[in-house]
């Protein structure tokens, strides 16, 4: 079923506290959730929350985005949280025309946050963030929902918080302190050998 229930109504498997809900389910998913594509879109506490699960194809992705677009146009919500679970990652946004959905969502939404429940999904969302940024769109990938909500509430603070974490992840390794100590010991030994060449010769 796909549709907009009356305010206050929520579908089986929906979330309490949602004002309006859009659901889309393959019949098979009713018997075995997560085995087939399904989605749920709900306005929840000032955020348009769009959940997608079991996505395997570009066409299923487009079906999901069409529902998100309809909800975005009706709600005019400035913040969208897209959460993807148990799904095949999708790259090549421009080739498949998916970047156009983000363009249209940006007409009514100021910030779009992306969440994924696997490493591959998070990598694809980071790619989406890069491509969307090249098109001037405010789309960001996050490791968890709490970080996404911090960005919704205070984007500048969350951006500053992420920078040192990203630098730390790129430049710090658990082995670095040991490597640094080993290097210092080598340099100390070299200085001793330079000052006492006779000792060095005997050691050899």
N, C-alpha and C. Protein backbone atom coordinates (compact mmCIF):
# COMPACT_ATOMS: atom_id res chain seq x y z
N UNK A 1 0.85 -1.20 0.00
CA UNK A 1 0.00 0.00 0.00
C UNK A 1 0.87 1.23 0.00
N UNK A 2 0.50 2.21 -0.76
CA UNK A 2 1.19 3.48 -0.77
C UNK A 2 0.14 4.57 -0.61
N UNK A 3 0.32 5.44 0.36
CA UNK A 3 -0.66 6.50 0.54
C UNK A 3 -0.37 7.33 1.75
N UNK A 4 -1.17 8.37 1.97
CA UNK A 4 -1.04 9.25 3.11
C UNK A 4 -2.22 9.03 4.03
N UNK A 5 -2.05 8.27 5.14
CA UNK A 5 -3.14 8.10 6.09
C UNK A 5 -3.48 9.41 6.77
N UNK A 6 -4.60 9.43 7.44
CA UNK A 6 -5.00 10.62 8.16
C UNK A 6 -4.04 10.92 9.30
N UNK A 7 -3.89 12.20 9.72
CA UNK A 7 -3.00 12.54 10.81
C UNK A 7 -3.33 11.71 12.04
N UNK A 8 -2.25 11.25 12.71
CA UNK A 8 -2.42 10.46 13.91
C UNK A 8 -2.52 8.97 13.64
N UNK A 9 -2.75 8.60 12.37
CA UNK A 9 -2.85 7.18 12.03
C UNK A 9 -1.46 6.65 11.74
N UNK A 10 -1.18 5.44 12.14
CA UNK A 10 0.10 4.85 11.80
C UNK A 10 -0.09 3.39 11.47
N UNK A 11 0.72 2.92 10.49
CA UNK A 11 0.57 1.57 9.96
C UNK A 11 1.19 0.54 10.89
N UNK A 12 0.80 -0.71 10.68
CA UNK A 12 1.47 -1.79 11.40
C UNK A 12 2.95 -1.76 11.05
N UNK A 13 3.80 -1.79 12.06
CA UNK A 13 5.23 -1.68 11.81
C UNK A 13 5.67 -0.25 11.75
N UNK A 14 4.78 0.72 11.91
CA UNK A 14 5.14 2.13 11.89
C UNK A 14 5.70 2.57 13.21
N UNK A 15 5.94 3.88 13.37
CA UNK A 15 6.55 4.40 14.58
C UNK A 15 5.58 5.33 15.29
N UNK A 16 5.47 5.19 16.58
CA UNK A 16 4.61 6.07 17.35
C UNK A 16 5.16 7.49 17.31
N UNK A 17 4.29 8.45 17.41
CA UNK A 17 4.72 9.85 17.43
C UNK A 17 4.80 10.46 16.05
N UNK A 18 4.56 9.68 15.00
CA UNK A 18 4.60 10.20 13.64
C UNK A 18 3.26 10.86 13.30
N UNK A 19 3.32 11.99 12.62
CA UNK A 19 2.09 12.70 12.30
C UNK A 19 1.43 12.15 11.04
N UNK A 20 2.25 11.88 10.03
CA UNK A 20 1.71 11.31 8.80
C UNK A 20 2.68 10.25 8.32
N UNK A 21 2.17 9.20 7.73
CA UNK A 21 3.02 8.07 7.35
C UNK A 21 2.75 7.67 5.91
N UNK A 22 3.82 7.38 5.18
CA UNK A 22 3.70 6.77 3.86
C UNK A 22 4.38 5.43 3.98
N UNK A 23 3.73 4.37 3.55
CA UNK A 23 4.38 3.06 3.57
C UNK A 23 4.33 2.45 2.19
N UNK A 24 5.33 1.70 1.88
CA UNK A 24 5.34 0.95 0.62
C UNK A 24 5.93 -0.41 0.88
N UNK A 25 5.20 -1.47 0.58
CA UNK A 25 5.69 -2.81 0.89
C UNK A 25 5.41 -3.77 -0.26
N UNK A 26 6.42 -4.58 -0.55
CA UNK A 26 6.20 -5.70 -1.43
C UNK A 26 5.41 -6.75 -0.63
N UNK A 27 4.44 -7.48 -1.25
CA UNK A 27 3.67 -8.47 -0.51
C UNK A 27 4.53 -9.48 0.25
N UNK A 28 5.68 -9.83 -0.32
CA UNK A 28 6.54 -10.81 0.35
C UNK A 28 7.08 -10.28 1.66
N UNK A 29 7.26 -8.95 1.74
CA UNK A 29 7.84 -8.39 2.95
C UNK A 29 6.88 -8.48 4.13
N UNK A 30 5.58 -8.67 3.85
CA UNK A 30 4.63 -8.82 4.94
C UNK A 30 4.85 -10.15 5.67
N UNK A 31 5.30 -11.14 4.93
CA UNK A 31 5.55 -12.44 5.54
C UNK A 31 6.96 -12.51 6.13
N UNK A 32 7.91 -11.86 5.49
CA UNK A 32 9.30 -11.93 5.96
C UNK A 32 9.95 -10.56 5.81
N UNK A 33 9.78 -9.69 6.79
CA UNK A 33 10.39 -8.36 6.72
C UNK A 33 11.88 -8.46 6.43
N UNK A 34 12.39 -7.49 5.69
CA UNK A 34 13.79 -7.37 5.27
C UNK A 34 14.14 -8.34 4.14
N UNK A 35 13.18 -9.16 3.68
CA UNK A 35 13.48 -10.07 2.58
C UNK A 35 13.13 -9.44 1.24
N UNK A 36 12.39 -8.36 1.23
CA UNK A 36 12.04 -7.68 -0.01
C UNK A 36 11.99 -6.18 0.25
N UNK A 37 12.04 -5.40 -0.83
CA UNK A 37 12.10 -3.97 -0.69
C UNK A 37 10.86 -3.40 0.00
N UNK A 38 11.08 -2.46 0.91
CA UNK A 38 9.99 -1.76 1.56
C UNK A 38 10.49 -0.42 2.06
N UNK A 39 9.58 0.49 2.33
CA UNK A 39 10.00 1.80 2.84
C UNK A 39 8.91 2.38 3.73
N UNK A 40 9.31 3.34 4.53
CA UNK A 40 8.37 4.06 5.38
C UNK A 40 8.85 5.51 5.46
N UNK A 41 7.94 6.45 5.26
CA UNK A 41 8.26 7.88 5.32
C UNK A 41 7.33 8.51 6.34
N UNK A 42 7.89 9.21 7.32
CA UNK A 42 7.07 9.78 8.39
C UNK A 42 7.63 11.11 8.85
N UNK A 43 6.73 12.04 9.18
CA UNK A 43 7.14 13.31 9.76
C UNK A 43 7.20 13.11 11.27
N UNK A 44 8.40 13.20 11.83
CA UNK A 44 8.62 12.87 13.23
C UNK A 44 9.42 13.98 13.91
N UNK A 45 8.77 14.73 14.79
CA UNK A 45 9.43 15.77 15.59
C UNK A 45 10.23 16.76 14.73
N UNK A 46 9.61 17.24 13.69
CA UNK A 46 10.24 18.25 12.86
C UNK A 46 11.24 17.72 11.84
N UNK A 47 11.32 16.41 11.70
CA UNK A 47 12.22 15.79 10.72
C UNK A 47 11.43 14.84 9.85
N UNK A 48 11.61 14.91 8.54
CA UNK A 48 10.98 13.96 7.64
C UNK A 48 11.88 12.73 7.59
N UNK A 49 11.45 11.68 8.23
CA UNK A 49 12.25 10.46 8.36
C UNK A 49 11.84 9.47 7.28
N UNK A 50 12.79 9.08 6.43
CA UNK A 50 12.52 8.16 5.33
C UNK A 50 13.39 6.92 5.51
N UNK A 51 12.75 5.78 5.70
CA UNK A 51 13.46 4.53 5.93
C UNK A 51 13.27 3.60 4.74
N UNK A 52 14.37 3.04 4.27
CA UNK A 52 14.34 2.14 3.12
C UNK A 52 15.04 0.84 3.52
N UNK A 53 14.42 -0.31 3.22
CA UNK A 53 15.07 -1.58 3.52
C UNK A 53 14.86 -2.56 2.38
N UNK A 54 15.84 -3.45 2.22
CA UNK A 54 15.73 -4.49 1.20
C UNK A 54 15.86 -3.98 -0.22
N UNK A 55 16.44 -2.80 -0.43
CA UNK A 55 16.59 -2.26 -1.79
C UNK A 55 17.70 -3.01 -2.53
N UNK A 56 17.40 -3.44 -3.75
CA UNK A 56 18.37 -4.18 -4.55
C UNK A 56 18.63 -3.56 -5.92
N UNK A 57 17.81 -2.63 -6.35
CA UNK A 57 17.97 -2.10 -7.70
C UNK A 57 17.79 -0.60 -7.73
N UNK A 58 18.21 -0.01 -8.84
CA UNK A 58 18.03 1.43 -9.06
C UNK A 58 16.55 1.77 -9.15
N UNK A 59 15.77 0.89 -9.79
CA UNK A 59 14.34 1.16 -9.93
C UNK A 59 13.65 1.21 -8.57
N UNK A 60 14.05 0.32 -7.66
CA UNK A 60 13.48 0.36 -6.32
C UNK A 60 13.89 1.63 -5.59
N UNK A 61 15.11 2.08 -5.85
CA UNK A 61 15.57 3.34 -5.26
C UNK A 61 14.72 4.50 -5.75
N UNK A 62 14.39 4.51 -7.03
CA UNK A 62 13.58 5.58 -7.60
C UNK A 62 12.16 5.56 -7.02
N UNK A 63 11.61 4.36 -6.83
CA UNK A 63 10.29 4.24 -6.22
C UNK A 63 10.29 4.86 -4.83
N UNK A 64 11.31 4.58 -4.07
CA UNK A 64 11.45 5.13 -2.73
C UNK A 64 11.55 6.66 -2.78
N UNK A 65 12.40 7.18 -3.66
CA UNK A 65 12.59 8.63 -3.73
C UNK A 65 11.32 9.35 -4.20
N UNK A 66 10.53 8.70 -5.02
CA UNK A 66 9.26 9.32 -5.44
C UNK A 66 8.36 9.53 -4.22
N UNK A 67 8.34 8.54 -3.32
CA UNK A 67 7.53 8.66 -2.10
C UNK A 67 8.08 9.76 -1.19
N UNK A 68 9.41 9.84 -1.11
CA UNK A 68 10.04 10.88 -0.27
C UNK A 68 9.73 12.26 -0.83
N UNK A 69 9.76 12.37 -2.15
CA UNK A 69 9.45 13.66 -2.79
C UNK A 69 8.02 14.10 -2.51
N UNK A 70 7.08 13.16 -2.61
CA UNK A 70 5.69 13.51 -2.35
C UNK A 70 5.51 13.99 -0.91
N UNK A 71 6.14 13.28 0.01
CA UNK A 71 6.03 13.67 1.42
C UNK A 71 6.71 15.00 1.68
N UNK A 72 7.84 15.23 1.02
CA UNK A 72 8.57 16.48 1.21
C UNK A 72 7.78 17.68 0.70
N UNK A 73 7.15 17.51 -0.45
CA UNK A 73 6.36 18.60 -1.02
C UNK A 73 5.15 18.92 -0.17
N UNK A 74 4.54 17.89 0.42
CA UNK A 74 3.37 18.13 1.24
C UNK A 74 3.73 18.73 2.60
N UNK A 75 4.79 18.20 3.20
CA UNK A 75 5.15 18.65 4.55
C UNK A 75 5.97 19.93 4.56
N UNK A 76 6.73 20.18 3.47
CA UNK A 76 7.64 21.34 3.39
C UNK A 76 8.62 21.31 4.55
N UNK A 77 9.00 20.12 4.98
CA UNK A 77 9.91 19.97 6.12
C UNK A 77 11.34 20.32 5.68
N UNK A 78 12.04 21.16 6.42
CA UNK A 78 13.38 21.59 6.01
C UNK A 78 14.47 20.58 6.29
N UNK A 79 14.15 19.50 7.02
CA UNK A 79 15.18 18.51 7.38
C UNK A 79 14.70 17.11 7.03
N UNK A 80 15.54 16.36 6.30
CA UNK A 80 15.21 15.01 5.89
C UNK A 80 16.29 14.05 6.37
N UNK A 81 15.86 12.97 6.98
CA UNK A 81 16.77 11.91 7.42
C UNK A 81 16.46 10.66 6.62
N UNK A 82 17.40 10.23 5.78
CA UNK A 82 17.23 9.04 4.95
C UNK A 82 18.06 7.91 5.55
N UNK A 83 17.38 6.86 6.00
CA UNK A 83 18.05 5.72 6.64
C UNK A 83 17.87 4.48 5.77
N UNK A 84 18.98 3.87 5.36
CA UNK A 84 18.94 2.71 4.47
C UNK A 84 19.48 1.49 5.20
N UNK A 85 18.72 0.41 5.18
CA UNK A 85 19.10 -0.81 5.90
C UNK A 85 19.00 -2.04 4.99
N UNK A 86 19.88 -2.99 5.23
CA UNK A 86 19.83 -4.29 4.54
C UNK A 86 19.61 -4.12 3.03
N UNK A 87 20.40 -3.23 2.44
CA UNK A 87 20.22 -2.90 1.03
C UNK A 87 21.54 -2.93 0.27
N UNK A 88 21.41 -3.10 -1.04
CA UNK A 88 22.57 -3.07 -1.91
C UNK A 88 22.99 -1.61 -2.14
N UNK A 89 24.28 -1.28 -1.95
CA UNK A 89 24.73 0.10 -2.18
C UNK A 89 24.51 0.51 -3.64
N UNK A 90 24.22 1.77 -3.84
CA UNK A 90 24.02 2.31 -5.18
C UNK A 90 25.01 3.45 -5.39
N UNK A 91 25.82 3.36 -6.42
CA UNK A 91 26.74 4.42 -6.79
C UNK A 91 26.27 5.02 -8.13
N UNK A 92 27.10 5.81 -8.77
CA UNK A 92 26.79 6.38 -10.08
C UNK A 92 25.46 7.14 -10.08
N UNK A 93 25.37 8.09 -9.16
CA UNK A 93 24.13 8.87 -9.04
C UNK A 93 23.77 9.61 -10.32
N UNK A 94 24.77 10.20 -10.93
CA UNK A 94 24.50 11.00 -12.13
C UNK A 94 24.09 10.12 -13.31
N UNK A 95 24.76 8.99 -13.45
CA UNK A 95 24.44 8.09 -14.56
C UNK A 95 23.01 7.59 -14.47
N UNK A 96 22.55 7.27 -13.26
CA UNK A 96 21.19 6.73 -13.07
C UNK A 96 20.14 7.82 -12.86
N UNK A 97 20.56 9.06 -12.83
CA UNK A 97 19.61 10.16 -12.67
C UNK A 97 19.14 10.36 -11.24
N UNK A 98 19.82 9.73 -10.28
CA UNK A 98 19.38 9.84 -8.89
C UNK A 98 19.71 11.20 -8.28
N UNK A 99 20.72 11.87 -8.83
CA UNK A 99 21.08 13.19 -8.29
C UNK A 99 19.93 14.17 -8.47
N UNK A 100 19.07 13.93 -9.46
CA UNK A 100 17.94 14.83 -9.69
C UNK A 100 16.94 14.78 -8.54
N UNK A 101 16.82 13.63 -7.89
CA UNK A 101 15.93 13.55 -6.74
C UNK A 101 16.44 14.43 -5.60
N UNK A 102 17.75 14.42 -5.42
CA UNK A 102 18.32 15.28 -4.38
C UNK A 102 18.12 16.76 -4.73
N UNK A 103 18.21 17.08 -6.02
CA UNK A 103 17.94 18.47 -6.45
C UNK A 103 16.52 18.89 -6.08
N UNK A 104 15.57 18.01 -6.38
CA UNK A 104 14.17 18.33 -6.11
C UNK A 104 13.89 18.40 -4.61
N UNK A 105 14.50 17.51 -3.85
CA UNK A 105 14.33 17.56 -2.39
C UNK A 105 14.89 18.86 -1.82
N UNK A 106 15.96 19.36 -2.43
CA UNK A 106 16.59 20.59 -1.95
C UNK A 106 15.69 21.80 -2.16
N UNK A 107 14.67 21.67 -3.02
CA UNK A 107 13.75 22.79 -3.23
C UNK A 107 12.95 23.10 -1.97
N UNK A 108 12.71 22.07 -1.15
CA UNK A 108 11.90 22.26 0.06
C UNK A 108 12.68 21.96 1.34
N UNK A 109 13.85 21.34 1.22
CA UNK A 109 14.60 20.94 2.41
C UNK A 109 15.98 21.58 2.43
N UNK A 110 16.36 22.09 3.59
CA UNK A 110 17.65 22.75 3.73
C UNK A 110 18.78 21.77 3.99
N UNK A 111 18.48 20.64 4.65
CA UNK A 111 19.51 19.67 5.00
C UNK A 111 18.97 18.25 4.81
N UNK A 112 19.81 17.40 4.21
CA UNK A 112 19.47 16.01 3.99
C UNK A 112 20.57 15.15 4.59
N UNK A 113 20.23 14.34 5.57
CA UNK A 113 21.20 13.47 6.24
C UNK A 113 21.00 12.03 5.78
N UNK A 114 22.13 11.30 5.64
CA UNK A 114 22.09 9.92 5.18
C UNK A 114 22.67 8.98 6.24
N UNK A 115 21.98 7.86 6.46
CA UNK A 115 22.45 6.83 7.39
C UNK A 115 22.44 5.49 6.68
N UNK A 116 23.42 4.63 7.00
CA UNK A 116 23.46 3.28 6.45
C UNK A 116 23.84 2.30 7.54
N UNK A 117 23.34 1.07 7.47
CA UNK A 117 23.60 0.10 8.53
C UNK A 117 24.74 -0.85 8.20
N UNK A 118 25.53 -0.54 7.15
CA UNK A 118 26.68 -1.38 6.81
C UNK A 118 27.81 -0.49 6.31
N UNK A 119 29.02 -1.05 6.31
CA UNK A 119 30.18 -0.30 5.84
C UNK A 119 30.02 0.11 4.38
N UNK A 120 29.54 -0.81 3.53
CA UNK A 120 29.37 -0.51 2.11
C UNK A 120 28.34 0.60 1.89
N UNK A 121 27.25 0.57 2.65
CA UNK A 121 26.25 1.62 2.51
C UNK A 121 26.81 2.96 2.95
N UNK A 122 27.57 2.97 4.03
CA UNK A 122 28.15 4.23 4.49
C UNK A 122 29.15 4.78 3.47
N UNK A 123 29.91 3.88 2.82
CA UNK A 123 30.83 4.32 1.78
C UNK A 123 30.07 4.93 0.60
N UNK A 124 28.97 4.29 0.22
CA UNK A 124 28.19 4.83 -0.89
C UNK A 124 27.57 6.17 -0.52
N UNK A 125 27.18 6.34 0.75
CA UNK A 125 26.62 7.61 1.19
C UNK A 125 27.67 8.71 1.23
N UNK A 126 28.91 8.35 1.57
CA UNK A 126 29.99 9.33 1.52
C UNK A 126 30.22 9.79 0.08
N UNK A 127 30.09 8.85 -0.85
CA UNK A 127 30.20 9.19 -2.27
C UNK A 127 29.05 10.13 -2.68
N UNK A 128 27.84 9.83 -2.20
CA UNK A 128 26.69 10.69 -2.48
C UNK A 128 26.96 12.10 -1.95
N UNK A 129 27.52 12.18 -0.76
CA UNK A 129 27.81 13.48 -0.17
C UNK A 129 28.76 14.29 -1.06
N UNK A 130 29.79 13.62 -1.58
CA UNK A 130 30.76 14.31 -2.45
C UNK A 130 30.10 14.81 -3.72
N UNK A 131 29.35 13.94 -4.40
CA UNK A 131 28.70 14.32 -5.66
C UNK A 131 27.66 15.42 -5.42
N UNK A 132 26.88 15.28 -4.36
CA UNK A 132 25.87 16.29 -4.06
C UNK A 132 26.53 17.63 -3.77
N UNK A 133 27.67 17.60 -3.06
CA UNK A 133 28.38 18.83 -2.77
C UNK A 133 28.86 19.52 -4.04
N UNK A 134 29.26 18.74 -5.03
CA UNK A 134 29.70 19.30 -6.31
C UNK A 134 28.55 20.00 -7.03
N UNK A 135 27.33 19.60 -6.71
CA UNK A 135 26.14 20.22 -7.30
C UNK A 135 25.56 21.30 -6.39
N UNK A 136 26.28 21.64 -5.32
CA UNK A 136 25.82 22.69 -4.42
C UNK A 136 24.68 22.28 -3.51
N UNK A 137 24.54 20.96 -3.25
CA UNK A 137 23.44 20.46 -2.43
C UNK A 137 23.94 20.14 -1.02
N UNK A 138 23.13 20.42 -0.03
CA UNK A 138 23.52 20.24 1.37
C UNK A 138 23.11 18.84 1.85
N UNK A 139 23.91 17.85 1.44
CA UNK A 139 23.67 16.45 1.78
C UNK A 139 24.87 15.93 2.55
N UNK A 140 24.62 15.26 3.68
CA UNK A 140 25.72 14.78 4.51
C UNK A 140 25.48 13.34 4.95
N UNK A 141 26.57 12.57 5.02
CA UNK A 141 26.51 11.20 5.51
C UNK A 141 26.96 11.17 6.97
N UNK A 142 26.30 10.36 7.79
CA UNK A 142 26.62 10.29 9.21
C UNK A 142 26.74 8.84 9.68
N UNK A 143 27.57 8.60 10.70
CA UNK A 143 27.73 7.23 11.20
C UNK A 143 26.57 6.78 12.08
N UNK A 144 25.82 7.72 12.65
CA UNK A 144 24.71 7.35 13.51
C UNK A 144 23.68 8.47 13.53
N UNK A 145 22.51 8.15 14.06
CA UNK A 145 21.40 9.10 14.05
C UNK A 145 21.63 10.29 14.96
N UNK A 146 22.33 10.07 16.08
CA UNK A 146 22.60 11.17 17.01
C UNK A 146 23.41 12.26 16.33
N UNK A 147 24.42 11.87 15.55
CA UNK A 147 25.24 12.85 14.84
C UNK A 147 24.42 13.61 13.81
N UNK A 148 23.51 12.92 13.14
CA UNK A 148 22.65 13.58 12.15
C UNK A 148 21.77 14.63 12.81
N UNK A 149 21.21 14.29 13.97
CA UNK A 149 20.34 15.25 14.66
C UNK A 149 21.13 16.44 15.19
N UNK A 150 22.40 16.21 15.59
CA UNK A 150 23.23 17.35 16.02
C UNK A 150 23.45 18.31 14.85
N UNK A 151 23.62 17.75 13.67
CA UNK A 151 23.80 18.59 12.48
C UNK A 151 22.52 19.35 12.17
N UNK A 152 21.38 18.71 12.32
CA UNK A 152 20.11 19.40 12.10
C UNK A 152 19.96 20.58 13.06
N UNK A 153 20.35 20.38 14.30
CA UNK A 153 20.16 21.41 15.31
C UNK A 153 21.20 22.52 15.23
N UNK A 154 22.46 22.13 14.95
CA UNK A 154 23.54 23.12 14.90
C UNK A 154 24.58 22.65 13.89
N UNK A 155 24.37 22.91 12.60
CA UNK A 155 25.26 22.39 11.56
C UNK A 155 26.70 22.85 11.71
N UNK A 156 26.91 24.10 12.17
CA UNK A 156 28.28 24.61 12.30
C UNK A 156 29.04 23.85 13.38
N UNK A 157 28.40 23.62 14.51
CA UNK A 157 29.04 22.91 15.62
C UNK A 157 29.38 21.48 15.24
N UNK A 158 28.47 20.79 14.56
CA UNK A 158 28.73 19.42 14.16
C UNK A 158 29.84 19.34 13.13
N UNK A 159 29.92 20.33 12.23
CA UNK A 159 30.99 20.34 11.24
C UNK A 159 32.35 20.50 11.90
N UNK A 160 32.44 21.39 12.89
CA UNK A 160 33.69 21.59 13.60
C UNK A 160 34.06 20.37 14.41
N UNK A 161 33.07 19.68 14.98
CA UNK A 161 33.33 18.49 15.78
C UNK A 161 33.87 17.36 14.91
N UNK A 162 33.39 17.26 13.68
CA UNK A 162 33.79 16.17 12.80
C UNK A 162 35.21 16.34 12.28
N UNK A 163 35.68 17.57 12.10
CA UNK A 163 36.98 17.78 11.49
C UNK A 163 38.13 17.13 12.26
N UNK A 164 38.27 17.40 13.57
CA UNK A 164 39.37 16.74 14.28
C UNK A 164 39.24 15.23 14.32
N UNK A 165 38.01 14.70 14.35
CA UNK A 165 37.81 13.26 14.34
C UNK A 165 38.27 12.67 13.02
N UNK A 166 37.96 13.37 11.91
CA UNK A 166 38.37 12.88 10.60
C UNK A 166 39.88 12.91 10.46
N UNK A 167 40.52 14.01 10.96
CA UNK A 167 41.98 14.09 10.89
C UNK A 167 42.61 13.01 11.74
N UNK A 168 42.04 12.75 12.93
CA UNK A 168 42.58 11.73 13.80
C UNK A 168 42.48 10.36 13.15
N UNK A 169 41.37 10.10 12.50
CA UNK A 169 41.19 8.81 11.85
C UNK A 169 42.15 8.61 10.69
N UNK A 170 42.54 9.70 10.03
CA UNK A 170 43.42 9.61 8.88
C UNK A 170 44.88 9.48 9.27
N UNK A 171 45.29 10.11 10.39
CA UNK A 171 46.71 10.23 10.69
C UNK A 171 47.19 9.46 11.91
N UNK A 172 46.28 8.96 12.72
CA UNK A 172 46.71 8.29 13.94
C UNK A 172 46.53 6.79 13.80
N UNK A 173 47.54 6.06 14.19
CA UNK A 173 47.49 4.60 14.14
C UNK A 173 47.87 4.06 15.51
N UNK A 174 47.28 2.94 15.95
CA UNK A 174 47.60 2.39 17.26
C UNK A 174 49.07 2.07 17.43
N UNK A 175 49.79 1.80 16.34
CA UNK A 175 51.19 1.44 16.43
C UNK A 175 52.11 2.63 16.46
N UNK A 176 51.59 3.85 16.23
CA UNK A 176 52.47 5.00 16.09
C UNK A 176 53.34 5.27 17.32
N UNK A 177 52.84 5.21 18.56
CA UNK A 177 53.72 5.46 19.72
C UNK A 177 54.90 4.50 19.76
N UNK A 178 54.68 3.18 19.47
CA UNK A 178 55.77 2.24 19.46
C UNK A 178 56.77 2.55 18.35
N UNK A 179 56.24 2.94 17.19
CA UNK A 179 57.12 3.29 16.08
C UNK A 179 57.96 4.51 16.42
N UNK A 180 57.33 5.48 17.11
CA UNK A 180 58.06 6.68 17.48
C UNK A 180 59.19 6.35 18.45
N UNK A 181 58.91 5.48 19.44
CA UNK A 181 59.94 5.10 20.41
C UNK A 181 61.07 4.35 19.73
N UNK A 182 60.73 3.46 18.78
CA UNK A 182 61.77 2.71 18.08
C UNK A 182 62.66 3.65 17.28
N UNK A 183 62.06 4.65 16.65
CA UNK A 183 62.84 5.62 15.89
C UNK A 183 63.78 6.41 16.77
N UNK A 184 63.28 6.82 17.94
CA UNK A 184 64.13 7.57 18.88
C UNK A 184 65.30 6.72 19.35
N UNK A 185 65.06 5.43 19.61
CA UNK A 185 66.14 4.55 20.05
C UNK A 185 67.18 4.38 18.95
N UNK A 186 66.74 4.29 17.68
CA UNK A 186 67.69 4.18 16.57
C UNK A 186 68.54 5.43 16.45
N UNK A 187 67.90 6.59 16.59
CA UNK A 187 68.67 7.84 16.49
C UNK A 187 69.67 7.98 17.63
N UNK A 188 69.25 7.56 18.83
CA UNK A 188 70.17 7.63 19.97
C UNK A 188 71.38 6.72 19.74
N UNK A 189 71.14 5.53 19.23
CA UNK A 189 72.24 4.59 18.96
C UNK A 189 73.18 5.15 17.90
N UNK A 190 72.59 5.80 16.87
CA UNK A 190 73.43 6.38 15.82
C UNK A 190 74.31 7.49 16.35
N UNK A 191 73.77 8.32 17.27
CA UNK A 191 74.57 9.40 17.84
C UNK A 191 75.73 8.85 18.68
N UNK A 192 75.45 7.77 19.42
CA UNK A 192 76.51 7.15 20.23
C UNK A 192 77.61 6.59 19.35
N UNK A 193 77.22 5.97 18.24
CA UNK A 193 78.21 5.41 17.32
C UNK A 193 79.06 6.49 16.70
N UNK A 194 78.45 7.65 16.41
CA UNK A 194 79.18 8.75 15.81
C UNK A 194 80.21 9.31 16.79
N UNK A 195 79.83 9.40 18.07
CA UNK A 195 80.74 9.95 19.09
C UNK A 195 81.81 8.95 19.48
N UNK A 196 81.56 7.65 19.38
CA UNK A 196 82.51 6.62 19.80
C UNK A 196 82.71 5.60 18.68
N UNK A 197 83.40 6.01 17.59
CA UNK A 197 83.57 5.09 16.46
C UNK A 197 84.29 3.81 16.84
N UNK A 198 85.19 3.88 17.84
CA UNK A 198 85.92 2.68 18.25
C UNK A 198 84.99 1.65 18.85
N UNK A 199 84.06 2.13 19.65
CA UNK A 199 83.10 1.23 20.26
C UNK A 199 82.26 0.57 19.19
N UNK A 200 81.86 1.38 18.19
CA UNK A 200 81.06 0.85 17.11
C UNK A 200 81.79 -0.24 16.35
N UNK A 201 83.14 0.00 16.13
CA UNK A 201 83.94 -0.98 15.39
C UNK A 201 84.04 -2.29 16.16
N UNK A 202 84.24 -2.17 17.51
CA UNK A 202 84.33 -3.39 18.32
C UNK A 202 83.04 -4.18 18.26
N UNK A 203 81.91 -3.45 18.29
CA UNK A 203 80.61 -4.12 18.24
C UNK A 203 80.41 -4.88 16.95
N UNK A 204 80.99 -4.29 15.85
CA UNK A 204 80.87 -4.98 14.58
C UNK A 204 81.80 -6.18 14.55
